[in-house]
Protein backbone atom coordinates (compact mmCIF):
# COMPACT_ATOMS: atom_id res chain seq x y z
CA MET A 1 176.25 102.24 55.64
CA ARG A 2 174.91 105.48 57.10
CA ARG A 3 175.66 106.02 60.72
CA ILE A 4 172.90 107.05 63.12
CA ARG A 5 174.09 109.55 65.67
CA LEU A 6 172.61 109.14 69.16
CA TYR A 7 172.20 112.16 71.38
CA ARG A 8 172.25 111.89 75.14
CA ILE A 9 170.02 114.34 77.06
CA ASN A 10 171.43 115.81 80.18
CA PRO A 11 169.49 114.36 83.20
CA LYS A 12 169.20 117.80 84.76
CA ILE A 13 167.47 119.10 81.62
CA LEU A 14 165.10 116.07 81.63
CA ILE A 15 164.08 116.73 85.22
CA SER A 16 163.43 120.39 84.39
CA LEU A 17 161.12 119.46 81.47
CA ARG A 18 159.16 117.06 83.67
CA THR A 19 158.75 119.77 86.28
CA ILE A 20 157.50 122.29 83.72
CA ILE A 21 154.96 119.82 82.29
CA HIS A 22 153.75 118.90 85.77
CA ILE A 23 153.29 122.56 86.77
CA PHE A 24 151.40 123.22 83.51
CA LEU A 25 149.00 120.33 84.10
CA VAL A 26 148.34 121.36 87.70
CA PHE A 27 147.69 124.94 86.56
CA LEU A 28 145.33 123.71 83.84
CA LEU A 29 143.29 121.56 86.21
CA ALA A 30 143.20 124.03 89.08
CA PHE A 31 142.33 127.13 87.09
CA GLY A 32 139.52 126.22 84.86
CA GLY A 33 140.57 123.05 83.13
CA THR A 34 137.57 122.38 80.91
CA VAL A 35 138.24 119.00 79.33
CA ALA A 36 137.32 118.22 75.74
CA LEU A 37 134.14 116.25 75.23
CA GLY A 38 134.79 112.53 75.45
CA ALA A 39 138.22 113.06 76.98
CA GLN A 40 137.04 111.84 80.36
CA GLU A 41 135.27 108.61 79.42
CA ASN A 42 134.40 106.46 82.46
CA SER A 43 135.05 109.27 84.92
CA GLU A 44 133.08 109.41 88.14
CA ILE A 45 130.60 112.32 88.23
CA ARG A 46 130.99 114.37 91.39
CA ARG A 47 128.51 117.20 90.76
CA ILE A 48 125.89 118.11 88.14
CA ARG A 49 124.87 121.67 87.28
CA PHE A 50 122.20 123.00 84.92
CA LYS A 51 122.32 126.37 83.15
CA GLY A 52 119.34 128.06 81.53
CA ASN A 53 116.58 125.93 83.09
CA ARG A 54 113.58 128.06 84.07
CA THR A 55 110.60 125.70 83.89
CA PHE A 56 112.05 122.79 85.83
CA SER A 57 114.17 122.86 88.96
CA ARG A 58 117.49 121.07 89.24
CA GLY A 59 115.85 118.34 91.33
CA GLU A 60 113.11 117.75 88.75
CA LEU A 61 115.69 117.45 85.98
CA LEU A 62 117.85 115.06 87.99
CA GLU A 63 114.85 112.77 88.48
CA LYS A 64 114.60 112.28 84.69
CA ILE A 65 118.18 111.25 84.04
CA ASP A 66 120.49 108.47 85.17
CA PHE A 67 123.40 110.77 85.96
CA SER A 68 123.66 111.87 89.57
CA GLY A 69 126.31 113.52 91.67
CA THR A 70 127.89 111.40 94.38
CA SER A 71 129.35 112.76 97.59
CA TRP A 72 131.78 111.09 99.95
CA VAL A 73 128.98 110.81 102.53
CA GLY A 74 126.67 109.05 100.08
CA LYS A 75 129.32 106.53 99.06
CA THR A 76 130.66 105.90 102.55
CA PHE A 77 127.53 105.72 104.69
CA PHE A 78 124.73 104.89 102.21
CA LYS A 79 126.77 102.70 99.82
CA LYS A 80 125.54 104.80 96.89
CA ASP A 81 127.13 103.80 93.60
CA PRO A 82 128.67 106.73 91.70
CA SER A 83 127.47 107.72 88.21
CA ILE A 84 130.03 107.10 85.47
CA TYR A 85 130.25 109.46 82.52
CA SER A 86 130.42 108.12 78.96
CA SER A 87 129.48 109.47 75.54
CA GLU A 88 126.74 106.87 75.09
CA ALA A 89 125.27 107.63 78.51
CA TRP A 90 125.35 111.36 77.72
CA VAL A 91 123.35 110.89 74.49
CA MET A 92 120.74 108.79 76.31
CA ASN A 93 120.33 111.32 79.13
CA LYS A 94 120.24 114.23 76.68
CA ASP A 95 117.38 112.54 74.80
CA ARG A 96 115.48 112.12 78.07
CA LEU A 97 115.76 115.82 78.84
CA VAL A 98 114.63 116.74 75.32
CA ALA A 99 111.62 114.40 75.66
CA LEU A 100 110.73 115.95 79.04
CA TYR A 101 110.68 119.46 77.62
CA GLN A 102 108.79 118.48 74.48
CA ARG A 103 106.11 116.72 76.53
CA ASN A 104 105.67 120.01 78.34
CA GLY A 105 105.31 122.21 75.27
CA TYR A 106 108.89 123.20 74.43
CA MET A 107 109.19 121.79 70.91
CA HIS A 108 112.43 123.57 69.99
CA VAL A 109 114.40 122.95 73.17
CA LYS A 110 118.14 122.60 72.80
CA ILE A 111 120.43 120.77 75.18
CA THR A 112 123.81 122.32 74.51
CA PRO A 113 127.08 120.31 74.58
CA GLU A 114 128.08 119.52 78.14
CA LYS A 115 131.21 120.74 79.85
CA LEU A 116 133.35 118.46 81.95
CA LYS A 117 135.59 120.00 84.55
CA GLN A 118 138.08 117.62 86.06
CA VAL A 119 138.43 117.72 89.82
CA SER A 120 142.01 118.59 90.72
CA GLY A 121 144.13 115.57 91.51
CA LYS A 122 141.32 113.03 91.02
CA TYR A 123 139.80 111.05 88.18
CA ARG A 124 136.44 112.72 88.80
CA VAL A 125 134.51 115.40 86.91
CA ASP A 126 131.87 118.08 87.43
CA LEU A 127 129.22 118.06 84.69
CA THR A 128 127.45 121.21 83.45
CA ILE A 129 124.39 120.85 81.19
CA GLY A 130 123.23 123.88 79.23
CA ILE A 131 119.54 124.23 78.34
CA GLU A 132 117.93 126.59 75.82
CA GLU A 133 114.21 126.13 76.42
CA GLY A 134 112.89 128.44 73.72
CA PRO A 135 109.27 129.63 73.56
CA PRO A 136 106.53 127.10 74.51
CA VAL A 137 103.52 125.92 72.50
CA ILE A 138 100.37 127.84 73.54
CA ILE A 139 96.82 126.50 73.21
CA ARG A 140 94.81 128.80 70.91
CA ASP A 141 91.50 126.92 70.73
CA VAL A 142 89.55 124.15 72.52
CA SER A 143 86.34 122.65 71.14
CA PHE A 144 84.11 119.57 71.36
CA LYS A 145 82.87 117.57 68.39
CA ALA A 146 80.60 114.53 68.27
CA ALA A 147 81.78 111.61 66.21
CA GLY A 148 79.35 110.82 63.40
CA ASN A 149 76.63 113.49 63.14
CA PRO A 150 77.42 116.46 65.43
CA GLU A 151 74.31 118.41 64.45
CA SER A 152 72.00 115.82 66.07
CA ASP A 153 73.79 115.73 69.45
CA SER A 154 72.39 118.33 71.82
CA LEU A 155 74.60 117.24 74.75
CA ILE A 156 77.78 118.19 72.88
CA GLY A 157 76.55 121.75 72.45
CA SER A 158 75.03 122.07 75.93
CA ALA A 159 75.96 124.96 78.18
CA SER A 160 77.06 122.58 80.97
CA LEU A 161 79.64 120.90 78.70
CA GLN A 162 80.88 124.28 77.48
CA SER A 163 81.34 125.39 81.09
CA LEU A 164 83.46 122.27 81.66
CA LYS A 165 85.83 123.51 78.94
CA HIS A 166 87.00 126.39 81.12
CA LYS A 167 87.68 124.02 84.03
CA LEU A 168 90.08 121.88 82.02
CA GLU A 169 93.80 122.21 82.60
CA SER A 170 94.38 122.51 78.85
CA ASP A 171 92.46 125.76 78.41
CA VAL A 172 92.97 128.54 75.88
CA GLY A 173 96.09 130.57 76.63
CA ASN A 174 97.81 127.84 78.65
CA ARG A 175 100.99 126.01 77.73
CA PHE A 176 100.43 122.68 75.94
CA ILE A 177 101.39 119.86 78.35
CA ASP A 178 100.88 116.19 77.47
CA SER A 179 100.05 115.06 81.02
CA GLN A 180 97.37 117.76 81.37
CA VAL A 181 95.75 116.68 78.10
CA LYS A 182 95.68 113.10 79.41
CA ARG A 183 94.01 114.17 82.67
CA ASP A 184 91.50 116.27 80.76
CA GLN A 185 90.68 113.26 78.61
CA GLU A 186 89.83 111.27 81.76
CA ARG A 187 87.83 114.18 83.20
CA ILE A 188 85.69 114.54 80.07
CA ALA A 189 85.06 110.78 80.04
CA GLU A 190 83.96 110.97 83.70
CA TRP A 191 81.62 113.87 82.85
CA PHE A 192 79.82 111.75 80.24
CA GLY A 193 80.00 108.69 82.49
CA SER A 194 78.12 110.57 85.22
CA ARG A 195 75.32 111.19 82.70
CA GLY A 196 74.74 107.60 81.68
CA TYR A 197 77.34 107.06 78.94
CA ALA A 198 79.51 104.27 80.34
CA TYR A 199 81.04 103.40 76.93
CA VAL A 200 82.06 106.94 75.99
CA ASN A 201 85.25 107.26 73.94
CA VAL A 202 87.08 110.60 74.15
CA THR A 203 89.93 111.30 71.73
CA PRO A 204 91.98 114.53 71.47
CA GLU A 205 92.64 115.73 67.93
CA ILE A 206 95.68 118.03 68.04
CA SER A 207 96.54 120.59 65.39
CA LEU A 208 100.02 122.02 65.92
CA SER A 209 101.77 124.82 64.09
CA SER A 210 105.54 124.56 64.45
CA ASP A 211 105.95 128.08 63.02
CA THR A 212 103.58 130.00 65.30
CA LEU A 213 103.92 127.52 68.20
CA GLU A 214 100.15 127.40 68.63
CA ALA A 215 97.99 124.32 69.16
CA GLY A 216 94.30 123.62 68.80
CA ILE A 217 92.54 120.78 70.65
CA THR A 218 89.34 119.25 69.30
CA TRP A 219 87.81 116.66 71.63
CA LEU A 220 86.09 113.97 69.54
CA ILE A 221 83.27 112.41 71.56
CA GLU A 222 81.76 109.01 70.76
CA LYS A 223 79.14 108.60 73.48
CA GLY A 224 77.83 105.08 72.88
CA PRO A 225 74.43 103.97 74.25
CA LEU A 226 72.65 105.59 77.20
CA CYS A 227 72.97 103.03 80.04
CA ARG A 228 71.00 102.12 83.16
CA PHE A 229 71.91 100.18 86.27
CA GLY A 230 70.98 96.48 86.26
CA ASP A 231 71.23 93.90 89.03
CA ILE A 232 73.33 94.76 92.10
CA THR A 233 74.97 91.76 93.81
CA ILE A 234 77.14 91.56 96.94
CA GLU A 235 79.70 88.86 97.72
CA GLY A 236 82.44 88.20 100.25
CA ASN A 237 80.58 89.40 103.37
CA ASN A 238 80.16 86.95 106.23
CA ARG A 239 79.74 88.95 109.45
CA ILE A 240 78.36 92.12 107.88
CA PRO A 241 74.65 92.00 106.87
CA PRO A 242 73.96 92.86 103.21
CA ASP A 243 71.50 95.57 104.28
CA ALA A 244 74.32 97.44 106.03
CA ILE A 245 76.21 97.52 102.73
CA ARG A 246 73.16 98.47 100.67
CA LYS A 247 72.58 101.51 102.90
CA GLN A 248 75.84 102.93 101.58
CA ILE A 249 74.85 102.54 97.92
CA THR A 250 73.55 105.75 96.33
CA PHE A 251 72.02 104.21 93.18
CA ASN A 252 69.25 101.71 92.41
CA LYS A 253 68.42 99.24 89.68
CA GLY A 254 66.77 100.94 86.70
CA GLU A 255 68.29 104.39 87.28
CA ILE A 256 70.46 106.06 84.63
CA TYR A 257 74.08 104.96 85.03
CA ASN A 258 76.25 107.40 87.00
CA SER A 259 79.99 106.75 87.43
CA GLU A 260 80.23 109.32 90.23
CA ALA A 261 77.53 107.46 92.20
CA VAL A 262 79.50 104.23 91.83
CA SER A 263 82.71 105.88 93.08
CA ARG A 264 80.93 107.59 95.97
CA SER A 265 79.21 104.35 97.03
CA GLN A 266 82.51 102.48 97.01
CA LYS A 267 84.08 105.07 99.30
CA GLN A 268 81.13 104.90 101.68
CA VAL A 269 81.21 101.10 101.92
CA TYR A 270 84.96 101.16 102.59
CA GLY A 271 84.40 104.02 105.05
CA LEU A 272 82.46 101.70 107.35
CA GLY A 273 85.89 100.57 108.56
CA LEU A 274 84.86 96.91 108.43
CA PHE A 275 86.41 95.79 105.14
CA ARG A 276 89.90 95.22 103.84
CA ILE A 277 88.63 95.37 100.25
CA ALA A 278 85.45 96.93 98.85
CA SER A 279 85.39 97.06 95.05
CA PHE A 280 82.54 97.86 92.66
CA GLN A 281 82.79 96.07 89.30
CA VAL A 282 80.56 97.37 86.48
CA SER A 283 79.89 94.82 83.72
CA LEU A 284 80.95 96.54 80.50
CA SER A 285 80.63 94.29 77.46
CA ASP A 286 81.57 94.17 73.79
CA PRO A 287 79.35 94.88 71.93
CA PRO A 288 77.96 97.49 74.34
CA THR A 289 74.65 96.91 76.15
CA ASP A 290 72.40 99.52 77.72
CA THR A 291 71.95 97.64 81.04
CA LEU A 292 74.93 97.37 83.40
CA SER A 293 75.00 95.00 86.35
CA VAL A 294 77.17 95.87 89.35
CA LYS A 295 79.04 93.31 91.44
CA ILE A 296 80.23 94.47 94.88
CA ARG A 297 83.14 92.33 96.03
CA THR A 298 84.15 92.68 99.67
CA GLU A 299 86.77 91.16 101.91
CA GLU A 300 86.16 91.69 105.62
CA ALA A 301 88.99 92.97 107.77
CA PRO A 302 90.24 90.75 110.63
CA ARG A 303 87.95 90.97 113.61
CA LEU A 304 90.81 91.52 116.08
CA SER A 305 93.73 93.90 115.60
CA THR A 306 96.49 94.87 118.01
CA ARG A 307 99.14 97.60 118.06
CA VAL A 308 101.90 97.96 120.64
CA GLY A 309 104.40 100.80 120.80
CA VAL A 310 107.26 102.02 122.94
CA GLY A 311 109.27 105.21 122.77
CA TYR A 312 111.19 107.87 124.62
CA GLY A 313 110.93 111.64 124.80
CA LEU A 314 112.78 114.20 126.88
CA GLU A 315 109.44 115.47 128.24
CA ASP A 316 107.44 112.30 128.84
CA HIS A 317 110.48 109.97 129.19
CA PHE A 318 109.67 106.30 128.65
CA ARG A 319 106.27 105.76 127.09
CA THR A 320 104.32 102.77 125.87
CA PHE A 321 100.84 102.06 124.60
CA LEU A 322 98.55 99.16 123.73
CA ASP A 323 95.74 99.55 121.19
CA VAL A 324 93.27 96.67 120.69
CA GLY A 325 90.48 96.87 118.11
CA PHE A 326 87.38 94.69 117.71
CA LEU A 327 85.17 94.73 114.63
CA SER A 328 81.46 93.78 114.69
CA PHE A 329 81.36 94.26 118.47
CA PRO A 330 79.06 94.78 120.31
CA GLY A 331 76.86 95.17 117.17
CA LYS A 332 77.49 93.60 113.77
CA THR A 333 78.38 96.94 112.17
CA MET A 334 80.05 98.53 115.21
CA ARG A 335 83.74 99.08 115.90
CA THR A 336 85.29 99.08 119.38
CA LYS A 337 88.78 100.15 120.39
CA PHE A 338 90.47 99.75 123.79
CA TYR A 339 93.49 101.93 124.45
CA ALA A 340 96.00 101.95 127.32
CA LYS A 341 99.00 104.26 127.72
CA HIS A 342 101.79 104.97 130.20
CA SER A 343 104.33 107.81 130.21
CA GLY A 344 105.99 110.22 132.58
CA LEU A 345 103.26 112.80 131.93
CA GLU A 346 100.41 110.27 132.03
CA PRO A 347 101.20 107.49 134.52
CA TYR A 348 98.12 105.73 133.22
CA ARG A 349 95.36 106.31 130.75
CA PHE A 350 92.58 103.89 129.79
CA GLU A 351 89.84 104.57 127.30
CA ALA A 352 87.40 102.84 125.00
CA VAL A 353 85.84 104.11 121.77
CA LEU A 354 82.61 102.52 120.56
CA THR A 355 81.68 103.63 117.03
CA GLN A 356 78.44 103.10 115.16
CA PRO A 357 79.00 104.17 111.54
CA SER A 358 76.25 105.31 109.20
CA LEU A 359 73.81 106.12 111.99
CA LEU A 360 71.87 109.00 110.42
CA GLY A 361 73.15 108.48 106.90
CA PRO A 362 76.21 107.25 104.99
CA ASN A 363 78.32 110.23 106.12
CA SER A 364 77.42 110.28 109.81
CA SER A 365 78.63 108.23 112.77
CA ILE A 366 78.25 108.30 116.53
CA GLU A 367 80.93 107.55 119.14
CA PHE A 368 80.88 106.85 122.86
CA ASN A 369 84.22 107.44 124.56
CA PRO A 370 84.57 106.61 128.31
CA SER A 371 88.02 107.21 129.81
CA VAL A 372 90.06 107.51 132.99
CA ARG A 373 93.52 109.04 133.19
CA ARG A 374 96.04 110.41 135.63
CA ARG A 375 98.12 113.43 134.64
CA LYS A 376 101.38 114.56 136.21
CA GLU A 377 102.44 118.05 135.17
CA GLU A 378 104.78 120.59 136.74
CA GLY A 379 101.88 122.73 137.94
CA PHE A 380 99.34 120.08 138.95
CA GLN A 381 98.50 116.42 139.28
CA SER A 382 95.02 115.16 138.49
CA LEU A 383 92.78 112.13 138.18
CA GLN A 384 90.11 112.64 135.52
CA TRP A 385 87.34 110.21 134.56
CA GLY A 386 84.20 110.53 132.51
CA GLY A 387 83.17 110.29 128.87
CA ASP A 388 81.64 111.96 125.87
CA LEU A 389 79.02 111.10 123.26
CA SER A 390 79.89 112.54 119.84
CA LEU A 391 78.13 112.83 116.49
CA TYR A 392 80.46 113.14 113.48
CA HIS A 393 79.49 114.15 109.96
CA ASN A 394 81.69 114.17 106.86
CA PHE A 395 80.76 117.11 104.63
CA GLY A 396 83.24 115.84 102.06
CA SER A 397 86.53 113.99 101.86
CA ARG A 398 88.33 116.91 103.54
CA LEU A 399 85.81 118.52 105.91
CA THR A 400 84.48 116.92 109.11
CA GLY A 401 82.25 118.40 111.80
CA SER A 402 81.37 117.10 115.27
CA VAL A 403 79.02 117.83 118.19
CA SER A 404 79.72 116.25 121.59
CA LEU A 405 78.10 115.98 125.01
CA PHE A 406 80.71 115.54 127.73
CA TYR A 407 80.90 114.81 131.45
CA GLU A 408 84.10 114.65 133.50
CA ARG A 409 84.94 114.30 137.18
CA VAL A 410 88.24 115.83 138.33
CA ASP A 411 90.35 115.21 141.45
CA ILE A 412 93.23 117.70 141.36
CA ASP A 413 96.26 118.64 143.46
CA ILE A 414 97.66 122.09 142.55
CA THR A 415 101.41 122.48 143.08
CA SER A 416 101.60 126.27 143.42
CA ASP A 417 101.08 127.68 146.93
CA PHE A 418 99.94 130.92 145.35
CA GLU A 419 97.29 129.21 143.28
CA ARG A 420 96.02 127.14 146.21
CA SER A 421 95.68 130.29 148.32
CA LEU A 422 93.09 131.76 145.95
CA GLU A 423 89.56 131.45 147.30
CA GLU A 424 88.21 130.46 143.89
CA MET A 425 90.63 127.50 143.69
CA ASP A 426 89.83 125.85 147.03
CA LEU A 427 88.05 122.90 145.40
CA SER A 428 90.06 119.71 144.96
CA THR A 429 87.15 117.75 143.43
CA TYR A 430 84.61 119.04 140.93
CA SER A 431 82.76 118.05 137.78
CA LYS A 432 82.52 119.48 134.27
CA ASN A 433 79.77 118.98 131.72
CA GLY A 434 78.49 120.61 128.58
CA ILE A 435 78.72 120.69 124.79
CA SER A 436 81.68 120.95 122.45
CA VAL A 437 81.62 121.63 118.71
CA GLY A 438 84.49 120.99 116.29
CA LEU A 439 85.28 121.52 112.63
CA ILE A 440 88.34 120.16 110.80
CA PHE A 441 89.43 120.85 107.22
CA ASN A 442 92.49 119.00 105.98
CA ASN A 443 93.90 118.58 102.48
CA PHE A 444 97.63 118.21 103.07
CA GLN A 445 99.58 115.28 101.63
CA PRO A 446 101.07 112.93 102.67
CA LYS A 447 99.68 112.51 106.16
CA THR A 448 102.85 111.51 108.05
CA GLU A 449 105.24 114.07 106.49
CA PRO A 450 103.17 116.73 104.69
CA THR A 451 104.79 118.48 101.74
CA GLN A 452 101.80 120.45 100.46
CA GLY A 453 98.33 121.61 101.49
CA TRP A 454 96.87 123.15 104.61
CA SER A 455 94.54 122.41 107.50
CA LEU A 456 92.14 124.34 109.74
CA ALA A 457 90.91 123.07 113.11
CA VAL A 458 88.29 124.94 115.16
CA ASN A 459 87.13 123.73 118.57
CA THR A 460 84.69 125.33 121.01
CA LYS A 461 83.67 124.06 124.44
CA ALA A 462 80.93 125.30 126.77
CA ASN A 463 81.18 123.99 130.35
CA GLY A 464 78.33 124.07 132.87
CA ILE A 465 75.44 124.67 130.47
CA ILE A 466 73.64 121.35 131.13
CA PHE A 467 74.20 120.84 134.86
CA ASP A 468 75.70 123.17 137.46
CA SER A 469 79.48 123.36 137.54
CA PRO A 470 81.66 125.44 139.89
CA TYR A 471 83.72 126.69 136.93
CA PRO A 472 81.43 127.56 133.99
CA PHE A 473 83.35 128.80 130.94
CA LEU A 474 83.36 129.12 127.16
CA LYS A 475 86.58 128.06 125.44
CA TYR A 476 87.71 128.21 121.82
CA LEU A 477 90.89 127.17 120.03
CA VAL A 478 91.76 127.76 116.35
CA GLU A 479 94.83 126.33 114.61
CA VAL A 480 95.93 126.79 110.99
CA LYS A 481 98.76 124.88 109.30
CA ARG A 482 100.24 125.42 105.85
CA PHE A 483 102.78 123.32 103.93
CA GLN A 484 104.22 124.95 100.82
CA PRO A 485 106.87 123.44 98.49
CA VAL A 486 109.53 126.07 97.81
CA MET A 487 111.90 124.10 95.60
CA ASN A 488 112.88 120.50 95.12
CA GLY A 489 113.50 118.98 98.56
CA VAL A 490 112.48 122.12 100.49
CA VAL A 491 109.10 122.59 102.18
CA LEU A 492 108.06 125.67 104.14
CA ALA A 493 105.85 124.68 107.11
CA LEU A 494 103.79 127.37 108.86
CA ARG A 495 101.58 127.21 111.94
CA LEU A 496 99.40 129.68 113.87
CA LYS A 497 97.32 128.90 116.97
CA ASN A 498 94.99 131.16 118.95
CA GLY A 499 92.68 130.45 121.85
CA SER A 500 90.84 132.01 124.78
CA ILE A 501 88.74 130.95 127.80
CA MET A 502 85.90 133.24 128.84
CA ARG A 503 84.54 132.74 132.37
CA MET A 504 80.77 132.72 132.75
CA GLY A 505 78.51 133.40 135.72
CA ALA A 506 79.99 134.41 139.07
CA SER A 507 83.14 132.31 138.71
CA GLU A 508 86.46 134.18 138.89
CA ALA A 509 88.65 131.23 137.89
CA THR A 510 89.00 128.50 135.30
CA PRO A 511 90.09 124.90 135.99
CA VAL A 512 93.87 124.48 135.87
CA GLU A 513 93.74 121.44 133.58
CA GLU A 514 91.72 123.44 131.02
CA ARG A 515 94.07 126.42 130.88
CA PHE A 516 96.49 127.20 128.08
CA PHE A 517 100.19 126.49 128.51
CA ALA A 518 103.08 127.23 126.13
CA GLY A 519 106.63 125.95 125.75
CA GLY A 520 107.89 122.50 124.85
CA SER A 521 108.64 120.24 121.91
CA GLN A 522 105.29 120.92 120.20
CA SER A 523 104.98 124.55 121.21
CA VAL A 524 107.54 127.36 121.45
CA ARG A 525 110.69 125.25 121.54
CA GLY A 526 112.96 127.84 123.16
CA TRP A 527 111.30 127.07 126.51
CA GLY A 528 110.77 123.90 128.48
CA ARG A 529 107.36 122.29 128.70
CA TYR A 530 104.73 124.79 129.94
CA MET A 531 107.44 127.26 131.05
CA LEU A 532 106.40 130.13 128.76
CA GLY A 533 103.65 132.20 130.37
CA PRO A 534 102.54 133.02 133.92
CA LEU A 535 104.79 131.53 136.63
CA ASP A 536 104.67 131.85 140.41
CA GLU A 537 107.66 132.90 142.53
CA ASP A 538 108.91 129.29 142.58
CA GLN A 539 108.84 129.14 138.75
CA ILE A 540 105.84 126.83 138.71
CA PRO A 541 103.67 127.30 135.58
CA LEU A 542 100.17 128.60 136.32
CA GLY A 543 98.69 128.63 132.83
CA GLY A 544 96.38 131.30 131.44
CA ASN A 545 93.17 132.10 129.62
CA SER A 546 94.65 133.47 126.37
CA LEU A 547 97.14 131.91 123.96
CA VAL A 548 98.99 132.82 120.76
CA GLU A 549 101.52 130.47 119.15
CA GLY A 550 103.15 130.16 115.78
CA SER A 551 106.05 128.63 113.86
CA ILE A 552 107.93 129.21 110.62
CA GLU A 553 109.94 126.13 109.66
CA PRO A 554 111.79 125.33 106.41
CA ARG A 555 112.26 121.54 106.09
CA ILE A 556 115.17 120.55 103.85
CA LYS A 557 115.90 117.08 102.49
CA VAL A 558 119.63 116.33 102.72
CA VAL A 559 120.37 112.76 101.69
CA GLY A 560 118.49 109.49 102.03
CA PRO A 561 116.15 109.59 105.05
CA PHE A 562 117.95 112.57 106.62
CA SER A 563 116.58 116.11 106.59
CA LEU A 564 117.27 119.39 108.39
CA VAL A 565 114.88 121.98 109.84
CA PHE A 566 115.46 125.60 110.76
CA PHE A 567 112.66 127.21 112.72
CA THR A 568 111.42 130.38 114.34
CA ASP A 569 108.76 129.92 117.03
CA PHE A 570 106.78 132.66 118.76
CA GLY A 571 103.97 132.94 121.28
CA ASN A 572 102.86 133.62 124.84
CA VAL A 573 100.14 132.89 127.38
CA TRP A 574 98.27 135.59 129.31
CA ARG A 575 96.42 135.22 132.57
CA LYS A 576 93.40 137.21 131.41
CA GLU A 577 90.91 136.21 128.75
CA LYS A 578 90.97 137.76 125.26
CA THR A 579 94.40 139.30 125.93
CA PHE A 580 96.79 139.38 122.99
CA LYS A 581 99.63 141.90 123.27
CA ILE A 582 102.04 142.04 120.34
CA GLY A 583 104.75 143.62 122.48
CA GLU A 584 104.69 140.65 124.86
CA ILE A 585 105.21 137.97 122.22
CA HIS A 586 108.30 135.85 122.92
CA TRP A 587 110.54 134.49 120.15
CA ALA A 588 112.82 131.49 119.79
CA VAL A 589 115.01 130.14 116.99
CA GLY A 590 116.61 126.79 116.50
CA THR A 591 117.57 123.94 114.25
CA GLY A 592 117.18 120.19 114.21
CA PHE A 593 117.38 117.07 112.11
CA ARG A 594 114.89 114.37 111.17
CA ILE A 595 115.23 110.72 110.18
CA SER A 596 112.29 109.29 108.24
CA THR A 597 111.01 105.95 109.55
CA PRO A 598 107.94 103.78 108.75
CA ILE A 599 106.16 105.26 111.79
CA GLY A 600 107.05 108.84 110.94
CA PRO A 601 110.09 111.08 111.37
CA VAL A 602 112.26 110.88 114.48
CA GLY A 603 113.80 114.23 115.34
CA LEU A 604 116.12 116.12 117.65
CA ASP A 605 115.67 119.91 118.02
CA PHE A 606 117.93 122.56 119.58
CA ALA A 607 116.35 125.94 120.35
CA ARG A 608 116.92 129.06 122.42
CA PRO A 609 115.02 132.30 123.07
CA VAL A 610 115.99 135.51 121.25
CA PHE A 611 115.24 139.14 122.18
CA ASP A 612 114.73 137.83 125.72
CA ASP A 613 116.48 137.79 129.08
CA THR A 614 116.25 134.00 129.09
CA SER A 615 118.96 132.48 126.90
CA GLN A 616 119.18 128.83 127.93
CA TRP A 617 119.29 126.21 125.17
CA GLN A 618 116.50 123.63 125.05
CA VAL A 619 116.82 120.15 123.55
CA HIS A 620 113.76 118.21 122.36
CA LEU A 621 113.69 114.58 121.23
CA ASN A 622 110.47 113.33 119.70
CA ILE A 623 108.81 111.05 117.17
CA GLY A 624 107.10 113.12 114.50
CA HIS A 625 107.39 116.75 113.49
CA SER A 626 106.54 119.42 116.04
CA PHE A 627 103.45 120.17 113.93
């Protein structure tokens, strides 16, 4: 029998080998250890990177896949489950990215093999995804063609339809994108629907060359019969008279069918503010008929509604409000709102708003707004009561204009000894009356936390032009806001405000409560409320007749409902009218955080002046963004 010789390894040598292997592994992981594909099955993904993506941002790509990076904060505080890497999951997510690019015109996109880098000392990996987009498919031709006999259809060859072609998203020279073709299909159908063709069928016929990466789109149009409106019935209304609803309808029985008129009428009925539901149902049938009845189904909103709120701010301290609304009061189509508020800046405020919609037409309404309120500011305390009668008109879904007649009685106590010593300010009780005109354009979305769009608000006020007033003046205020997405999760918010008060007649002063003030949580945040601008020797704000304010504020989503803001504010107030001196603009910088809630963001801001002798930090706590 053959003997097997056993060798005994010296323990010291064994320990040395273990040490060498351990050092090698640590070196490999710490200095670039790229792990072979599939070697880290079921590893937790810590971070995801993309290389080569130009068309889509990292955030847009992450939204299309299941993989996501997971931080310690996300797992600990938000209980976010980590993504686990596997070969099967990688194939699925790779296919999703390929489909995304191909839907957007990149037919030859390549998602290169991923790289997994193991995190030192942990069973976790960083994932890098390489993308070669390649050239996109470009639209070379767009045309319309009638199904059946195109020569006999004059509407297909009309100049108005040809002009629509250049308004489509999928126009010649643009990149071929599936979603844009779908929206164009709906837009063309609406164009024919607004001309009486309710049964129109629009189909895109795509010719694609994979060699030249060019595409042609032929829109095949099957119009169907020319339709007219039939019977119009209304159901679901109990309090609201049918005539009030019919006044909002912009079409009549027997007229050529118009889908835009149906949509506009639905918006106008709902715009009365009296209904929870207002839907217009057009009776399309199979086979098609040339007469279409319309059923208007409504559901009236509750007659009584109530809102109660409480809050706290560093400027107005504890605040609370009560808002009670009545529908069909005092008239069947009227709306009435009663509002009460208390805060440190307004010890009490009571007002009512009586609205009569559709007074001079579907887009006009009139409001009567009596009110009484007490104000308590650093520079004055006042009791103001009166009211205004306003006519509003909607020029579109985004533009509203108003004209108001106002009257107000003011009892005021001015804090500043200097201001009280002026001969022009010796009145403690006076009245104001006149006309104000306003114009508001707004297209930003969404309303509570805008991420895109802009707004323009213009207000003018002429006091003392109806009855005599001791302080006649003309006042204007213009404010522009812009919200621009910069990248995924980052929005740049901009604001600029300008105003002036011009005294009229023999008056040498303007009412204190009408003056401009700057500084505070919704102004230049490096100063306390109303503390930027003219002050007396006791540091009491006096206000002024000219104002410039502005803000530059990047808003950055962090995780979950949390976001950060970094801002630069600037502005000043001048005593004289129409005085705007660039060299006297004051600047402040700061940062803050926001927490999104159902009632809007709650935020805390920290700011301080720069390029200024004043350097004290200001802290502002508020509900909502500063603008």
